[in-house]
């Protein structure tokens, strides 16, 4: 016998929740933006701490880069 079950998506007629979609998208953009800032600041601070020689100087540079990046990316 022929199978008459629908093959399309179940949500074909469902309404979109645009407010939730927009909130999720903005959250993803913020995570990507500040996550990239954190990775770049950590990489620069580790390199600075290795070549200059000191954990304290690398930590201070990391904090400065994060503060500057936060004000630039807002």
C-alpha atoms as a PDB file:
ATOM      1  CA  UNK A   1       0.000   0.000   0.000  1.00  0.00           C
ATOM      2  CA  UNK A   2       1.096   3.560  -0.552  1.00  0.00           C
ATOM      3  CA  UNK A   3       2.442   5.532   2.379  1.00  0.00           C
ATOM      4  CA  UNK A   4       0.545   8.815   2.737  1.00  0.00           C
ATOM      5  CA  UNK A   5       2.510  10.349   5.600  1.00  0.00           C
ATOM      6  CA  UNK A   6       3.652  13.928   5.022  1.00  0.00           C
ATOM      7  CA  UNK A   7       7.300  14.295   4.061  1.00  0.00           C
ATOM      8  CA  UNK A   8       7.626  18.042   4.560  1.00  0.00           C
ATOM      9  CA  UNK A   9       8.602  19.877   7.719  1.00  0.00           C
ATOM     10  CA  UNK A  10       6.221  19.671  10.647  1.00  0.00           C
ATOM     11  CA  UNK A  11       6.553  23.401  11.329  1.00  0.00           C
ATOM     12  CA  UNK A  12       5.294  24.380   7.879  1.00  0.00           C
ATOM     13  CA  UNK A  13       2.327  26.318   9.212  1.00  0.00           C
ATOM     14  CA  UNK A  14       3.754  27.414  12.571  1.00  0.00           C
ATOM     15  CA  UNK A  15       4.133  31.093  13.355  1.00  0.00           C
ATOM     16  CA  UNK A  16       7.649  32.451  13.915  1.00  0.00           C
ATOM     17  CA  UNK A  17       8.531  33.971  17.274  1.00  0.00           C
ATOM     18  CA  UNK A  18      10.474  36.926  15.895  1.00  0.00           C
ATOM     19  CA  UNK A  19      11.203  38.462  19.286  1.00  0.00           C
ATOM     20  CA  UNK A  20      12.881  35.258  20.473  1.00  0.00           C
ATOM     21  CA  UNK A  21      14.739  34.912  17.174  1.00  0.00           C
ATOM     22  CA  UNK A  22      16.064  38.464  17.439  1.00  0.00           C
ATOM     23  CA  UNK A  23      17.120  37.953  21.073  1.00  0.00           C
ATOM     24  CA  UNK A  24      18.975  34.746  20.202  1.00  0.00           C
ATOM     25  CA  UNK A  25      20.711  36.379  17.237  1.00  0.00           C
ATOM     26  CA  UNK A  26      21.856  39.359  19.315  1.00  0.00           C
ATOM     27  CA  UNK A  27      23.122  36.996  22.006  1.00  0.00           C
ATOM     28  CA  UNK A  28      25.106  35.025  19.451  1.00  0.00           C
ATOM     29  CA  UNK A  29      26.637  38.210  18.018  1.00  0.00           C
ATOM     30  CA  UNK A  30      27.648  39.407  21.483  1.00  0.00           C
ATOM     31  CA  UNK A  31      29.176  36.031  22.319  1.00  0.00           C
ATOM     32  CA  UNK A  32      31.142  35.971  19.070  1.00  0.00           C
ATOM     33  CA  UNK A  33      32.287  39.585  19.448  1.00  0.00           C
ATOM     34  CA  UNK A  34      33.439  39.405  23.060  1.00  0.00           C
ATOM     35  CA  UNK A  35      34.753  35.851  22.688  1.00  0.00           C
ATOM     36  CA  UNK A  36      36.989  37.001  19.830  1.00  0.00           C
ATOM     37  CA  UNK A  37      38.132  39.964  21.905  1.00  0.00           C
ATOM     38  CA  UNK A  38      39.008  37.669  24.806  1.00  0.00           C
ATOM     39  CA  UNK A  39      40.984  35.266  22.598  1.00  0.00           C
ATOM     40  CA  UNK A  40      42.937  38.088  20.941  1.00  0.00           C
ATOM     41  CA  UNK A  41      43.650  39.824  24.260  1.00  0.00           C
ATOM     42  CA  UNK A  42      44.788  36.570  25.842  1.00  0.00           C
ATOM     43  CA  UNK A  43      47.074  35.778  22.915  1.00  0.00           C
ATOM     44  CA  UNK A  44      48.663  39.241  22.973  1.00  0.00           C
ATOM     45  CA  UNK A  45      49.076  39.224  26.753  1.00  0.00           C
ATOM     46  CA  UNK A  46      50.679  35.771  26.722  1.00  0.00           C
ATOM     47  CA  UNK A  47      53.114  36.802  23.991  1.00  0.00           C
ATOM     48  CA  UNK A  48      53.938  40.033  25.835  1.00  0.00           C
ATOM     49  CA  UNK A  49      54.434  38.160  29.105  1.00  0.00           C
ATOM     50  CA  UNK A  50      56.700  35.604  27.401  1.00  0.00           C
ATOM     51  CA  UNK A  51      58.934  38.087  25.602  1.00  0.00           C
ATOM     52  CA  UNK A  52      59.072  40.750  28.313  1.00  0.00           C
ATOM     53  CA  UNK A  53      59.225  38.209  31.092  1.00  0.00           C
ATOM     54  CA  UNK A  54      56.616  38.473  33.741  1.00  0.00           C
ATOM     55  CA  UNK A  55      53.210  37.179  34.668  1.00  0.00           C
ATOM     56  CA  UNK A  56      52.190  40.467  36.231  1.00  0.00           C
ATOM     57  CA  UNK A  57      52.905  42.578  33.139  1.00  0.00           C
ATOM     58  CA  UNK A  58      50.962  40.155  30.918  1.00  0.00           C
ATOM     59  CA  UNK A  59      48.007  40.247  33.300  1.00  0.00           C
ATOM     60  CA  UNK A  60      47.970  44.047  33.372  1.00  0.00           C
ATOM     61  CA  UNK A  61      48.133  44.162  29.566  1.00  0.00           C
ATOM     62  CA  UNK A  62      45.248  41.650  29.324  1.00  0.00           C
ATOM     63  CA  UNK A  63      43.088  43.797  31.595  1.00  0.00           C
ATOM     64  CA  UNK A  64      43.921  46.950  29.630  1.00  0.00           C
ATOM     65  CA  UNK A  65      43.149  45.325  26.267  1.00  0.00           C
ATOM     66  CA  UNK A  66      39.846  43.944  27.572  1.00  0.00           C
ATOM     67  CA  UNK A  67      38.800  47.343  28.968  1.00  0.00           C
ATOM     68  CA  UNK A  68      39.749  49.168  25.776  1.00  0.00           C
ATOM     69  CA  UNK A  69      38.057  46.537  23.599  1.00  0.00           C
ATOM     70  CA  UNK A  70      34.882  46.684  25.679  1.00  0.00           C
ATOM     71  CA  UNK A  71      34.572  50.443  25.142  1.00  0.00           C
ATOM     72  CA  UNK A  72      35.349  50.140  21.438  1.00  0.00           C
ATOM     73  CA  UNK A  73      32.909  47.263  20.789  1.00  0.00           C
ATOM     74  CA  UNK A  74      29.936  48.628  22.754  1.00  0.00           C
END
